[in-house]
Amino acid sequence: MSDTLGRIKKLVSNGDYRISEHGYDELAADGWLAREVVAGLTEASMVEDYPDYPKGPCVLVLQENRIGQPVHAVWEIPKGEDKPAVLVTAYQPDPQQWTDDFMRRKS
């Protein structure tokens, strides 16, 4: 697990997180509840880590929704801050753009 993901998981487990407006829009578009994506973070697998992202360290993780479908979620910690963890977006990955396990982008 990356340092970024570890920090984000700790913040979320302490209840120190928020969901961006874009995140809520994407969740609503797919009919997902914020709490299910937040709860799924505990079992999430690291896909990509961006510790030096200009807006703050962030990660792309793979998890499952309540019916077992794959979900990609992007979490960040705002630049220059220690908290909160922010759910930036969550979406169902496109099988045409990802390997069968949804862990690597197709070239």
C-alpha atoms as a PDB file:
ATOM      1  CA  MET A   1       0.000   0.000   0.000  1.00  0.00           C
ATOM      2  CA  SER A   2       1.270   3.455  -0.840  1.00  0.00           C
ATOM      3  CA  ASP A   3       1.833   6.131   1.776  1.00  0.00           C
ATOM      4  CA  THR A   4      -0.905   8.209   0.134  1.00  0.00           C
ATOM      5  CA  LEU A   5      -3.450   5.396   0.295  1.00  0.00           C
ATOM      6  CA  GLY A   6      -2.489   4.624   3.891  1.00  0.00           C
ATOM      7  CA  ARG A   7      -3.015   8.261   4.883  1.00  0.00           C
ATOM      8  CA  ILE A   8      -6.355   8.395   3.077  1.00  0.00           C
ATOM      9  CA  LYS A   9      -7.579   5.155   4.655  1.00  0.00           C
ATOM     10  CA  LYS A  10      -6.644   6.443   8.105  1.00  0.00           C
ATOM     11  CA  LEU A  11      -8.443   9.748   7.549  1.00  0.00           C
ATOM     12  CA  VAL A  12     -11.573   7.986   6.292  1.00  0.00           C
ATOM     13  CA  SER A  13     -11.564   5.505   9.187  1.00  0.00           C
ATOM     14  CA  ASN A  14     -11.435   8.510  11.547  1.00  0.00           C
ATOM     15  CA  GLY A  15     -14.391  10.105   9.740  1.00  0.00           C
ATOM     16  CA  ASP A  16     -12.212  12.906   8.374  1.00  0.00           C
ATOM     17  CA  TYR A  17     -13.345  12.941   4.759  1.00  0.00           C
ATOM     18  CA  ARG A  18     -15.652  14.760   2.385  1.00  0.00           C
ATOM     19  CA  ILE A  19     -17.073  14.158  -1.049  1.00  0.00           C
ATOM     20  CA  SER A  20     -16.536  16.691  -3.806  1.00  0.00           C
ATOM     21  CA  GLU A  21     -19.474  18.114  -5.716  1.00  0.00           C
ATOM     22  CA  HIS A  22     -18.231  16.275  -8.805  1.00  0.00           C
ATOM     23  CA  GLY A  23     -18.002  13.102  -6.721  1.00  0.00           C
ATOM     24  CA  TYR A  24     -21.641  13.413  -5.666  1.00  0.00           C
ATOM     25  CA  ASP A  25     -22.673  14.041  -9.279  1.00  0.00           C
ATOM     26  CA  GLU A  26     -20.856  10.910 -10.492  1.00  0.00           C
ATOM     27  CA  LEU A  27     -22.255   8.773  -7.667  1.00  0.00           C
ATOM     28  CA  ALA A  28     -25.775   9.954  -8.433  1.00  0.00           C
ATOM     29  CA  ALA A  29     -25.333   9.307 -12.160  1.00  0.00           C
ATOM     30  CA  ASP A  30     -24.481   5.663 -11.434  1.00  0.00           C
ATOM     31  CA  GLY A  31     -27.076   5.237  -8.680  1.00  0.00           C
ATOM     32  CA  TRP A  32     -24.452   4.605  -6.005  1.00  0.00           C
ATOM     33  CA  LEU A  33     -24.595   5.723  -2.418  1.00  0.00           C
ATOM     34  CA  ALA A  34     -21.693   7.716  -1.033  1.00  0.00           C
ATOM     35  CA  ARG A  35     -21.559   5.511   2.057  1.00  0.00           C
ATOM     36  CA  GLU A  36     -21.033   2.349  -0.001  1.00  0.00           C
ATOM     37  CA  VAL A  37     -18.052   3.858  -1.830  1.00  0.00           C
ATOM     38  CA  VAL A  38     -16.618   5.196   1.420  1.00  0.00           C
ATOM     39  CA  ALA A  39     -17.076   1.810   3.129  1.00  0.00           C
ATOM     40  CA  GLY A  40     -15.508   0.036   0.140  1.00  0.00           C
ATOM     41  CA  LEU A  41     -12.253   1.912   0.621  1.00  0.00           C
ATOM     42  CA  THR A  42     -11.194  -0.520   3.359  1.00  0.00           C
ATOM     43  CA  GLU A  43     -10.928  -3.334   0.792  1.00  0.00           C
ATOM     44  CA  ALA A  44      -9.751  -1.197  -2.124  1.00  0.00           C
ATOM     45  CA  SER A  45      -6.710  -2.118  -4.207  1.00  0.00           C
ATOM     46  CA  MET A  46      -4.212   0.461  -5.420  1.00  0.00           C
ATOM     47  CA  VAL A  47      -4.357   1.057  -9.174  1.00  0.00           C
ATOM     48  CA  GLU A  48      -2.346   4.279  -9.530  1.00  0.00           C
ATOM     49  CA  ASP A  49      -0.595   6.527  -7.029  1.00  0.00           C
ATOM     50  CA  TYR A  50       0.087  10.215  -7.661  1.00  0.00           C
ATOM     51  CA  PRO A  51       1.946  11.459  -4.560  1.00  0.00           C
ATOM     52  CA  ASP A  52       3.150  14.607  -6.357  1.00  0.00           C
ATOM     53  CA  TYR A  53      -0.060  15.571  -8.144  1.00  0.00           C
ATOM     54  CA  PRO A  54      -0.294  19.399  -8.428  1.00  0.00           C
ATOM     55  CA  LYS A  55      -3.621  19.612  -6.531  1.00  0.00           C
ATOM     56  CA  GLY A  56      -2.372  17.303  -3.757  1.00  0.00           C
ATOM     57  CA  PRO A  57      -1.490  13.633  -3.366  1.00  0.00           C
ATOM     58  CA  CYS A  58      -4.122  11.322  -4.805  1.00  0.00           C
ATOM     59  CA  VAL A  59      -4.786   7.700  -5.637  1.00  0.00           C
ATOM     60  CA  LEU A  60      -6.938   5.735  -8.037  1.00  0.00           C
ATOM     61  CA  VAL A  61      -8.278   2.600  -6.362  1.00  0.00           C
ATOM     62  CA  LEU A  62     -10.348  -0.383  -7.438  1.00  0.00           C
ATOM     63  CA  GLN A  63     -13.158  -1.585  -5.234  1.00  0.00           C
ATOM     64  CA  GLU A  64     -16.601  -3.136  -5.621  1.00  0.00           C
ATOM     65  CA  ASN A  65     -20.064  -1.698  -5.211  1.00  0.00           C
ATOM     66  CA  ARG A  66     -22.823  -3.399  -3.218  1.00  0.00           C
ATOM     67  CA  ILE A  67     -23.613  -5.819  -6.047  1.00  0.00           C
ATOM     68  CA  GLY A  68     -20.013  -6.752  -6.791  1.00  0.00           C
ATOM     69  CA  GLN A  69     -19.393  -4.528  -9.817  1.00  0.00           C
ATOM     70  CA  PRO A  70     -15.959  -2.912 -10.182  1.00  0.00           C
ATOM     71  CA  VAL A  71     -15.646   0.714  -9.149  1.00  0.00           C
ATOM     72  CA  HIS A  72     -12.720   3.047  -9.695  1.00  0.00           C
ATOM     73  CA  ALA A  73     -12.527   5.811  -7.099  1.00  0.00           C
ATOM     74  CA  VAL A  74     -10.150   8.754  -6.940  1.00  0.00           C
ATOM     75  CA  TRP A  75      -9.250  10.039  -3.478  1.00  0.00           C
ATOM     76  CA  GLU A  76      -7.032  13.001  -2.658  1.00  0.00           C
ATOM     77  CA  ILE A  77      -5.659  15.061   0.186  1.00  0.00           C
ATOM     78  CA  PRO A  78      -5.705  18.769  -0.712  1.00  0.00           C
ATOM     79  CA  LYS A  79      -2.290  20.257  -1.483  1.00  0.00           C
ATOM     80  CA  GLY A  80      -0.581  21.718   1.557  1.00  0.00           C
ATOM     81  CA  GLU A  81      -3.096  20.135   3.934  1.00  0.00           C
ATOM     82  CA  ASP A  82      -3.042  17.072   6.191  1.00  0.00           C
ATOM     83  CA  LYS A  83      -6.784  16.500   5.918  1.00  0.00           C
ATOM     84  CA  PRO A  84      -9.488  15.784   4.930  1.00  0.00           C
ATOM     85  CA  ALA A  85      -9.484  12.893   2.485  1.00  0.00           C
ATOM     86  CA  VAL A  86     -11.644  13.889  -0.482  1.00  0.00           C
ATOM     87  CA  LEU A  87     -13.538  11.502  -2.733  1.00  0.00           C
ATOM     88  CA  VAL A  88     -13.022  13.271  -6.049  1.00  0.00           C
ATOM     89  CA  THR A  89     -14.942  10.857  -8.252  1.00  0.00           C
ATOM     90  CA  ALA A  90     -16.078   7.263  -8.618  1.00  0.00           C
ATOM     91  CA  TYR A  91     -17.083   5.490 -11.794  1.00  0.00           C
ATOM     92  CA  GLN A  92     -17.509   2.089 -13.371  1.00  0.00           C
ATOM     93  CA  PRO A  93     -14.359   1.421 -15.411  1.00  0.00           C
ATOM     94  CA  ASP A  94     -14.758   0.857 -19.144  1.00  0.00           C
ATOM     95  CA  PRO A  95     -13.639  -2.685 -20.058  1.00  0.00           C
ATOM     96  CA  GLN A  96     -12.425  -1.348 -23.426  1.00  0.00           C
ATOM     97  CA  GLN A  97      -9.899   0.894 -21.657  1.00  0.00           C
ATOM     98  CA  TRP A  98      -8.763  -1.435 -18.857  1.00  0.00           C
ATOM     99  CA  THR A  99      -7.349  -4.939 -18.549  1.00  0.00           C
ATOM    100  CA  ASP A 100      -9.735  -7.685 -17.431  1.00  0.00           C
ATOM    101  CA  ASP A 101      -8.862  -7.107 -13.766  1.00  0.00           C
ATOM    102  CA  PHE A 102      -9.324  -3.294 -14.146  1.00  0.00           C
ATOM    103  CA  MET A 103      -5.869  -2.714 -12.666  1.00  0.00           C
ATOM    104  CA  ARG A 104      -3.969  -1.529 -15.753  1.00  0.00           C
ATOM    105  CA  ARG A 105      -4.863   0.743 -18.647  1.00  0.00           C
ATOM    106  CA  LYS A 106      -4.776  -0.828 -22.087  1.00  0.00           C
ATOM    107  CA  SER A 107      -2.288   0.769 -24.423  1.00  0.00           C
END
